[in-house]
């Protein structure tokens, strides 16, 4: 029974270690979200610049102040930055999902800690309940042996009686 208490105490420590690990994972996920947000901001600024540049160059093409190649490069740059922005936004959503997952795992691990603590308390209670009963076992055994002895004496006495 004492080993059950030790085992339940080990389960408590293990659950607490898991909770600590998930707390660290939350910090990491928050950092990932922050990096992804900065990536979106940077990429959005680059896309805005490319789009503005394209819109400045297009009217100049009609007046032949720029070449078709310059406008094509600006258009290609705007398209590439637009796709990069979509990718950065996707990375942000993925980082946010990772954060949500880490938060959920942390909550689950905290529940596991509470459950392990309850099991540990239950095991301790079982030991404190069982110890007095175990200690009474010798007295009960003696009482049974005494009752058997008295029963055997009654049988012997009854057989030896002449009635």
C-alpha atoms as a PDB file:
ATOM      1  CA  UNK A   1       0.000   0.000   0.000  1.00  0.00           C
ATOM      2  CA  UNK A   2       2.923   2.309   0.735  1.00  0.00           C
ATOM      3  CA  UNK A   3       4.197   1.606  -2.789  1.00  0.00           C
ATOM      4  CA  UNK A   4       0.854   2.859  -4.133  1.00  0.00           C
ATOM      5  CA  UNK A   5       1.444   6.127  -2.288  1.00  0.00           C
ATOM      6  CA  UNK A   6       4.958   6.360  -3.736  1.00  0.00           C
ATOM      7  CA  UNK A   7       3.639   5.557  -7.202  1.00  0.00           C
ATOM      8  CA  UNK A   8       0.918   8.170  -6.952  1.00  0.00           C
ATOM      9  CA  UNK A   9       3.478  10.724  -5.741  1.00  0.00           C
ATOM     10  CA  UNK A  10       5.604   9.928  -8.806  1.00  0.00           C
ATOM     11  CA  UNK A  11       2.533  10.452 -10.996  1.00  0.00           C
ATOM     12  CA  UNK A  12       2.019  13.881  -9.415  1.00  0.00           C
ATOM     13  CA  UNK A  13       5.633  14.849 -10.175  1.00  0.00           C
ATOM     14  CA  UNK A  14       5.331  13.559 -13.731  1.00  0.00           C
ATOM     15  CA  UNK A  15       2.110  15.508 -14.318  1.00  0.00           C
ATOM     16  CA  UNK A  16       3.707  18.646 -12.900  1.00  0.00           C
ATOM     17  CA  UNK A  17       6.686  18.193 -15.244  1.00  0.00           C
ATOM     18  CA  UNK A  18       4.295  17.870 -18.185  1.00  0.00           C
ATOM     19  CA  UNK A  19       2.528  21.062 -17.135  1.00  0.00           C
ATOM     20  CA  UNK A  20       5.874  22.859 -16.947  1.00  0.00           C
ATOM     21  CA  UNK A  21       6.811  21.562 -20.400  1.00  0.00           C
ATOM     22  CA  UNK A  22       3.517  22.800 -21.868  1.00  0.00           C
ATOM     23  CA  UNK A  23       3.964  26.180 -20.162  1.00  0.00           C
ATOM     24  CA  UNK A  24       7.310  26.462 -21.981  1.00  0.00           C
ATOM     25  CA  UNK A  25       5.603  25.404 -25.218  1.00  0.00           C
ATOM     26  CA  UNK A  26       3.117  28.258 -24.717  1.00  0.00           C
ATOM     27  CA  UNK A  27       5.990  30.739 -24.415  1.00  0.00           C
ATOM     28  CA  UNK A  28       7.541  29.340 -27.582  1.00  0.00           C
ATOM     29  CA  UNK A  29       4.205  29.481 -29.433  1.00  0.00           C
ATOM     30  CA  UNK A  30       3.673  33.092 -28.347  1.00  0.00           C
ATOM     31  CA  UNK A  31       7.118  33.970 -29.691  1.00  0.00           C
ATOM     32  CA  UNK A  32       6.236  32.235 -32.971  1.00  0.00           C
ATOM     33  CA  UNK A  33       3.012  34.246 -33.215  1.00  0.00           C
ATOM     34  CA  UNK A  34       4.922  37.464 -32.560  1.00  0.00           C
ATOM     35  CA  UNK A  35       7.488  36.602 -35.253  1.00  0.00           C
ATOM     36  CA  UNK A  36       4.724  35.737 -37.698  1.00  0.00           C
ATOM     37  CA  UNK A  37       2.922  39.015 -36.960  1.00  0.00           C
ATOM     38  CA  UNK A  38       6.134  40.910 -37.661  1.00  0.00           C
ATOM     39  CA  UNK A  39       6.558  38.906 -40.864  1.00  0.00           C
ATOM     40  CA  UNK A  40       3.061  39.890 -41.975  1.00  0.00           C
ATOM     41  CA  UNK A  41       3.751  43.560 -41.198  1.00  0.00           C
ATOM     42  CA  UNK A  42       7.052  43.524 -43.088  1.00  0.00           C
ATOM     43  CA  UNK A  43       5.584  41.684 -46.077  1.00  0.00           C
ATOM     44  CA  UNK A  44       2.545  43.964 -46.132  1.00  0.00           C
ATOM     45  CA  UNK A  45       4.845  46.998 -46.278  1.00  0.00           C
ATOM     46  CA  UNK A  46       6.828  45.433 -49.129  1.00  0.00           C
ATOM     47  CA  UNK A  47       3.631  44.585 -51.035  1.00  0.00           C
ATOM     48  CA  UNK A  48       2.279  48.107 -50.489  1.00  0.00           C
ATOM     49  CA  UNK A  49       5.507  49.568 -51.878  1.00  0.00           C
ATOM     50  CA  UNK A  50       5.412  47.225 -54.907  1.00  0.00           C
ATOM     51  CA  UNK A  51       1.723  48.017 -55.584  1.00  0.00           C
ATOM     52  CA  UNK A  52       2.294  51.765 -55.262  1.00  0.00           C
ATOM     53  CA  UNK A  53       5.324  51.551 -57.538  1.00  0.00           C
ATOM     54  CA  UNK A  54       3.291  49.654 -60.157  1.00  0.00           C
ATOM     55  CA  UNK A  55       0.492  52.232 -59.984  1.00  0.00           C
ATOM     56  CA  UNK A  56       3.029  55.060 -60.421  1.00  0.00           C
ATOM     57  CA  UNK A  57       4.704  53.408 -63.418  1.00  0.00           C
ATOM     58  CA  UNK A  58       1.599  52.350 -65.368  1.00  0.00           C
ATOM     59  CA  UNK A  59       0.503  55.902 -66.309  1.00  0.00           C
ATOM     60  CA  UNK A  60       4.066  56.754 -67.257  1.00  0.00           C
ATOM     61  CA  UNK A  61       4.110  53.909 -69.813  1.00  0.00           C
ATOM     62  CA  UNK A  62       1.446  55.646 -71.921  1.00  0.00           C
ATOM     63  CA  UNK A  63       3.663  58.728 -72.045  1.00  0.00           C
ATOM     64  CA  UNK A  64       6.703  56.503 -72.773  1.00  0.00           C
ATOM     65  CA  UNK A  65       8.627  57.789 -69.734  1.00  0.00           C
ATOM     66  CA  UNK A  66       9.195  54.119 -68.705  1.00  0.00           C
ATOM     67  CA  UNK A  67       9.650  50.955 -70.693  1.00  0.00           C
ATOM     68  CA  UNK A  68       7.275  48.001 -70.901  1.00  0.00           C
ATOM     69  CA  UNK A  69       9.973  45.962 -69.183  1.00  0.00           C
ATOM     70  CA  UNK A  70      10.004  48.309 -66.185  1.00  0.00           C
ATOM     71  CA  UNK A  71       6.219  48.027 -65.841  1.00  0.00           C
ATOM     72  CA  UNK A  72       6.387  44.228 -66.214  1.00  0.00           C
ATOM     73  CA  UNK A  73       9.036  44.050 -63.498  1.00  0.00           C
ATOM     74  CA  UNK A  74       6.909  46.235 -61.223  1.00  0.00           C
ATOM     75  CA  UNK A  75       3.850  44.059 -61.931  1.00  0.00           C
ATOM     76  CA  UNK A  76       5.843  40.884 -61.263  1.00  0.00           C
ATOM     77  CA  UNK A  77       7.189  42.375 -58.045  1.00  0.00           C
ATOM     78  CA  UNK A  78       3.666  43.317 -56.933  1.00  0.00           C
ATOM     79  CA  UNK A  79       2.389  39.787 -57.675  1.00  0.00           C
ATOM     80  CA  UNK A  80       5.333  38.190 -55.860  1.00  0.00           C
ATOM     81  CA  UNK A  81       4.850  40.435 -52.816  1.00  0.00           C
ATOM     82  CA  UNK A  82       1.117  39.694 -52.847  1.00  0.00           C
ATOM     83  CA  UNK A  83       1.871  35.950 -52.733  1.00  0.00           C
ATOM     84  CA  UNK A  84       4.501  36.483 -50.044  1.00  0.00           C
ATOM     85  CA  UNK A  85       1.889  38.341 -47.998  1.00  0.00           C
ATOM     86  CA  UNK A  86      -0.555  35.436 -48.353  1.00  0.00           C
ATOM     87  CA  UNK A  87       2.170  33.056 -47.228  1.00  0.00           C
ATOM     88  CA  UNK A  88       3.054  35.255 -44.233  1.00  0.00           C
ATOM     89  CA  UNK A  89      -0.617  35.457 -43.241  1.00  0.00           C
ATOM     90  CA  UNK A  90      -0.875  31.682 -43.541  1.00  0.00           C
ATOM     91  CA  UNK A  91       2.207  31.313 -41.321  1.00  0.00           C
ATOM     92  CA  UNK A  92       0.573  33.631 -38.779  1.00  0.00           C
ATOM     93  CA  UNK A  93      -2.604  31.523 -38.743  1.00  0.00           C
ATOM     94  CA  UNK A  94      -0.513  28.386 -38.300  1.00  0.00           C
ATOM     95  CA  UNK A  95       1.416  29.987 -35.412  1.00  0.00           C
ATOM     96  CA  UNK A  96      -1.844  31.069 -33.782  1.00  0.00           C
ATOM     97  CA  UNK A  97      -3.192  27.524 -34.107  1.00  0.00           C
ATOM     98  CA  UNK A  98       0.009  26.224 -32.511  1.00  0.00           C
ATOM     99  CA  UNK A  99      -0.509  28.620 -29.620  1.00  0.00           C
ATOM    100  CA  UNK A 100      -4.108  27.470 -29.162  1.00  0.00           C
ATOM    101  CA  UNK A 101      -2.957  23.863 -29.199  1.00  0.00           C
ATOM    102  CA  UNK A 102      -0.265  24.551 -26.591  1.00  0.00           C
ATOM    103  CA  UNK A 103      -2.794  26.359 -24.400  1.00  0.00           C
ATOM    104  CA  UNK A 104      -5.195  23.416 -24.639  1.00  0.00           C
ATOM    105  CA  UNK A 105      -2.424  20.936 -23.833  1.00  0.00           C
ATOM    106  CA  UNK A 106      -1.403  23.048 -20.853  1.00  0.00           C
ATOM    107  CA  UNK A 107      -4.965  23.060 -19.529  1.00  0.00           C
ATOM    108  CA  UNK A 108      -5.135  19.296 -20.010  1.00  0.00           C
ATOM    109  CA  UNK A 109      -1.846  18.848 -18.172  1.00  0.00           C
ATOM    110  CA  UNK A 110      -3.108  21.010 -15.277  1.00  0.00           C
ATOM    111  CA  UNK A 111      -6.147  18.723 -15.074  1.00  0.00           C
ATOM    112  CA  UNK A 112      -3.797  15.736 -15.022  1.00  0.00           C
ATOM    113  CA  UNK A 113      -1.924  17.345 -12.110  1.00  0.00           C
ATOM    114  CA  UNK A 114      -5.175  17.801 -10.191  1.00  0.00           C
ATOM    115  CA  UNK A 115      -6.220  14.222 -10.945  1.00  0.00           C
ATOM    116  CA  UNK A 116      -2.827  12.871  -9.858  1.00  0.00           C
ATOM    117  CA  UNK A 117      -3.005  14.853  -6.624  1.00  0.00           C
ATOM    118  CA  UNK A 118      -6.476  13.450  -5.922  1.00  0.00           C
ATOM    119  CA  UNK A 119      -5.245   9.911  -6.558  1.00  0.00           C
ATOM    120  CA  UNK A 120      -2.273  10.538  -4.272  1.00  0.00           C
ATOM    121  CA  UNK A 121      -4.562  11.765  -1.495  1.00  0.00           C
ATOM    122  CA  UNK A 122      -6.780   8.735  -2.027  1.00  0.00           C
ATOM    123  CA  UNK A 123      -3.774   6.400  -1.752  1.00  0.00           C
ATOM    124  CA  UNK A 124      -2.640   8.157   1.437  1.00  0.00           C
ATOM    125  CA  UNK A 125      -6.141   7.837   2.864  1.00  0.00           C
ATOM    126  CA  UNK A 126      -6.190   4.141   2.010  1.00  0.00           C
ATOM    127  CA  UNK A 127      -2.935   3.649   3.924  1.00  0.00           C
ATOM    128  CA  UNK A 128      -4.188   5.553   6.971  1.00  0.00           C
ATOM    129  CA  UNK A 129      -7.413   3.529   6.882  1.00  0.00           C
ATOM    130  CA  UNK A 130      -5.671   0.189   6.362  1.00  0.00           C
ATOM    131  CA  UNK A 131      -2.939   0.552   9.011  1.00  0.00           C
ATOM    132  CA  UNK A 132      -5.279   0.431  12.045  1.00  0.00           C
ATOM    133  CA  UNK A 133      -7.102  -2.541  10.552  1.00  0.00           C
ATOM    134  CA  UNK A 134      -3.826  -4.342   9.942  1.00  0.00           C
ATOM    135  CA  UNK A 135      -2.788  -3.648  13.510  1.00  0.00           C
ATOM    136  CA  UNK A 136      -6.080  -5.126  14.779  1.00  0.00           C
ATOM    137  CA  UNK A 137      -5.526  -8.346  12.841  1.00  0.00           C
ATOM    138  CA  UNK A 138      -3.441  -9.960  15.604  1.00  0.00           C
ATOM    139  CA  UNK A 139      -6.044  -9.239  18.278  1.00  0.00           C
ATOM    140  CA  UNK A 140      -8.824 -10.598  16.069  1.00  0.00           C
ATOM    141  CA  UNK A 141      -6.810 -13.743  15.344  1.00  0.00           C
ATOM    142  CA  UNK A 142      -6.313 -14.260  19.081  1.00  0.00           C
ATOM    143  CA  UNK A 143     -10.034 -13.801  19.712  1.00  0.00           C
ATOM    144  CA  UNK A 144     -10.837 -16.424  17.060  1.00  0.00           C
ATOM    145  CA  UNK A 145      -8.350 -18.881  18.530  1.00  0.00           C
ATOM    146  CA  UNK A 146      -9.772 -18.278  21.991  1.00  0.00           C
ATOM    147  CA  UNK A 147     -13.302 -18.885  20.681  1.00  0.00           C
ATOM    148  CA  UNK A 148     -12.180 -22.152  19.009  1.00  0.00           C
ATOM    149  CA  UNK A 149     -10.546 -23.262  22.210  1.00  0.00           C
ATOM    150  CA  UNK A 150     -13.712 -22.517  24.204  1.00  0.00           C
ATOM    151  CA  UNK A 151     -15.841 -24.305  21.587  1.00  0.00           C
ATOM    152  CA  UNK A 152     -13.613 -27.363  21.707  1.00  0.00           C
ATOM    153  CA  UNK A 153     -13.763 -27.327  25.510  1.00  0.00           C
ATOM    154  CA  UNK A 154     -17.556 -27.152  25.406  1.00  0.00           C
ATOM    155  CA  UNK A 155     -17.677 -30.137  23.054  1.00  0.00           C
ATOM    156  CA  UNK A 156     -15.294 -32.104  25.248  1.00  0.00           C
ATOM    157  CA  UNK A 157     -17.220 -31.265  28.370  1.00  0.00           C
ATOM    158  CA  UNK A 158     -20.512 -32.172  26.769  1.00  0.00           C
ATOM    159  CA  UNK A 159     -19.217 -35.621  25.677  1.00  0.00           C
ATOM    160  CA  UNK A 160     -17.919 -36.392  29.097  1.00  0.00           C
ATOM    161  CA  UNK A 161     -21.244 -35.536  30.753  1.00  0.00           C
ATOM    162  CA  UNK A 162     -23.364 -38.544  31.612  1.00  0.00           C
ATOM    163  CA  UNK A 163     -26.733 -37.125  30.633  1.00  0.00           C
END
